[in-house]
Amino acid sequence: MSVILAETAGFCMGVKRAVDLVLDIAQRKG
């Protein structure tokens, strides 16, 4: 699974936190 985010996407903090959480879970599952 690969997640690509554009640096200029301009996510709000809520979305950024949600994305960070998903990425964290994905890394834990390997």
PDB file of N, CA and C in Angstrom:
ATOM      1  N   MET A   1       0.844  -1.197   0.000  1.00  0.00           N
ATOM      2  CA  MET A   1       0.000   0.000   0.000  1.00  0.00           C
ATOM      3  C   MET A   1       0.874   1.241   0.000  1.00  0.00           C
ATOM      4  N   SER A   2       0.604   2.156  -0.882  1.00  0.00           N
ATOM      5  CA  SER A   2       1.371   3.391  -0.909  1.00  0.00           C
ATOM      6  C   SER A   2       0.422   4.577  -0.840  1.00  0.00           C
ATOM      7  N   VAL A   3       0.822   5.563  -0.047  1.00  0.00           N
ATOM      8  CA  VAL A   3       0.000   6.761   0.091  1.00  0.00           C
ATOM      9  C   VAL A   3       0.832   7.952  -0.349  1.00  0.00           C
ATOM     10  N   ILE A   4       0.359   8.667  -1.343  1.00  0.00           N
ATOM     11  CA  ILE A   4       1.101   9.814  -1.848  1.00  0.00           C
ATOM     12  C   ILE A   4       0.296  11.078  -1.562  1.00  0.00           C
ATOM     13  N   LEU A   5       0.944  12.036  -0.886  1.00  0.00           N
ATOM     14  CA  LEU A   5       0.268  13.289  -0.554  1.00  0.00           C
ATOM     15  C   LEU A   5       1.022  14.457  -1.183  1.00  0.00           C
ATOM     16  N   ALA A   6       0.297  15.367  -1.789  1.00  0.00           N
ATOM     17  CA  ALA A   6       0.922  16.557  -2.334  1.00  0.00           C
ATOM     18  C   ALA A   6       1.183  17.546  -1.204  1.00  0.00           C
ATOM     19  N   GLU A   7       2.390  18.087  -1.166  1.00  0.00           N
ATOM     20  CA  GLU A   7       2.728  19.021  -0.091  1.00  0.00           C
ATOM     21  C   GLU A   7       1.859  20.267  -0.147  1.00  0.00           C
ATOM     22  N   THR A   8       1.352  20.580  -1.317  1.00  0.00           N
ATOM     23  CA  THR A   8       0.549  21.793  -1.484  1.00  0.00           C
ATOM     24  C   THR A   8      -0.936  21.515  -1.325  1.00  0.00           C
ATOM     25  N   ALA A   9      -1.287  20.328  -0.836  1.00  0.00           N
ATOM     26  CA  ALA A   9      -2.696  19.965  -0.708  1.00  0.00           C
ATOM     27  C   ALA A   9      -3.419  20.882   0.278  1.00  0.00           C
ATOM     28  N   GLY A  10      -2.707  21.341   1.320  1.00  0.00           N
ATOM     29  CA  GLY A  10      -3.308  22.272   2.265  1.00  0.00           C
ATOM     30  C   GLY A  10      -4.378  21.639   3.131  1.00  0.00           C
ATOM     31  N   PHE A  11      -4.103  20.446   3.671  1.00  0.00           N
ATOM     32  CA  PHE A  11      -5.077  19.784   4.543  1.00  0.00           C
ATOM     33  C   PHE A  11      -5.281  20.577   5.832  1.00  0.00           C
ATOM     34  N   CYS A  12      -6.486  20.540   6.350  1.00  0.00           N
ATOM     35  CA  CYS A  12      -6.735  21.122   7.654  1.00  0.00           C
ATOM     36  C   CYS A  12      -6.167  20.169   8.703  1.00  0.00           C
ATOM     37  N   MET A  13      -6.029  20.625   9.936  1.00  0.00           N
ATOM     38  CA  MET A  13      -5.414  19.809  10.982  1.00  0.00           C
ATOM     39  C   MET A  13      -6.177  18.516  11.211  1.00  0.00           C
ATOM     40  N   GLY A  14      -7.491  18.570  11.145  1.00  0.00           N
ATOM     41  CA  GLY A  14      -8.293  17.368  11.382  1.00  0.00           C
ATOM     42  C   GLY A  14      -7.989  16.289  10.358  1.00  0.00           C
ATOM     43  N   VAL A  15      -7.894  16.696   9.096  1.00  0.00           N
ATOM     44  CA  VAL A  15      -7.593  15.731   8.041  1.00  0.00           C
ATOM     45  C   VAL A  15      -6.175  15.217   8.196  1.00  0.00           C
ATOM     46  N   LYS A  16      -5.241  16.121   8.524  1.00  0.00           N
ATOM     47  CA  LYS A  16      -3.847  15.710   8.691  1.00  0.00           C
ATOM     48  C   LYS A  16      -3.719  14.686   9.808  1.00  0.00           C
ATOM     49  N   ARG A  17      -4.433  14.916  10.906  1.00  0.00           N
ATOM     50  CA  ARG A  17      -4.387  13.963  12.022  1.00  0.00           C
ATOM     51  C   ARG A  17      -4.942  12.615  11.600  1.00  0.00           C
ATOM     52  N   ALA A  18      -6.018  12.633  10.844  1.00  0.00           N
ATOM     53  CA  ALA A  18      -6.620  11.380  10.381  1.00  0.00           C
ATOM     54  C   ALA A  18      -5.660  10.631   9.467  1.00  0.00           C
ATOM     55  N   VAL A  19      -5.001  11.354   8.570  1.00  0.00           N
ATOM     56  CA  VAL A  19      -4.032  10.731   7.661  1.00  0.00           C
ATOM     57  C   VAL A  19      -2.860  10.171   8.449  1.00  0.00           C
ATOM     58  N   ASP A  20      -2.358  10.947   9.416  1.00  0.00           N
ATOM     59  CA  ASP A  20      -1.242  10.471  10.239  1.00  0.00           C
ATOM     60  C   ASP A  20      -1.630   9.202  10.982  1.00  0.00           C
ATOM     61  N   LEU A  21      -2.855   9.153  11.468  1.00  0.00           N
ATOM     62  CA  LEU A  21      -3.320   7.977  12.204  1.00  0.00           C
ATOM     63  C   LEU A  21      -3.365   6.759  11.285  1.00  0.00           C
ATOM     64  N   VAL A  22      -3.885   6.937  10.084  1.00  0.00           N
ATOM     65  CA  VAL A  22      -3.951   5.834   9.118  1.00  0.00           C
ATOM     66  C   VAL A  22      -2.555   5.346   8.762  1.00  0.00           C
ATOM     67  N   LEU A  23      -1.634   6.283   8.531  1.00  0.00           N
ATOM     68  CA  LEU A  23      -0.263   5.902   8.192  1.00  0.00           C
ATOM     69  C   LEU A  23       0.384   5.158   9.346  1.00  0.00           C
ATOM     70  N   ASP A  24       0.116   5.590  10.579  1.00  0.00           N
ATOM     71  CA  ASP A  24       0.678   4.932  11.757  1.00  0.00           C
ATOM     72  C   ASP A  24       0.174   3.495  11.854  1.00  0.00           C
ATOM     73  N   ILE A  25      -1.106   3.294  11.654  1.00  0.00           N
ATOM     74  CA  ILE A  25      -1.684   1.946  11.708  1.00  0.00           C
ATOM     75  C   ILE A  25      -1.112   1.086  10.580  1.00  0.00           C
ATOM     76  N   ALA A  26      -0.970   1.662   9.401  1.00  0.00           N
ATOM     77  CA  ALA A  26      -0.437   0.917   8.259  1.00  0.00           C
ATOM     78  C   ALA A  26       0.989   0.457   8.538  1.00  0.00           C
ATOM     79  N   GLN A  27       1.790   1.308   9.171  1.00  0.00           N
ATOM     80  CA  GLN A  27       3.169   0.945   9.486  1.00  0.00           C
ATOM     81  C   GLN A  27       3.207  -0.156  10.535  1.00  0.00           C
ATOM     82  N   ARG A  28       2.312  -0.107  11.497  1.00  0.00           N
ATOM     83  CA  ARG A  28       2.287  -1.134  12.543  1.00  0.00           C
ATOM     84  C   ARG A  28       1.937  -2.503  11.966  1.00  0.00           C
ATOM     85  N   LYS A  29       1.038  -2.510  10.978  1.00  0.00           N
ATOM     86  CA  LYS A  29       0.639  -3.775  10.355  1.00  0.00           C
ATOM     87  C   LYS A  29       1.706  -4.292   9.397  1.00  0.00           C
ATOM     88  N   GLY A  30       2.637  -3.414   9.028  1.00  0.00           N
ATOM     89  CA  GLY A  30       3.716  -3.816   8.145  1.00  0.00           C
ATOM     90  C   GLY A  30       3.251  -3.989   6.734  1.00  0.00           C
TER      91      GLY A  30
END
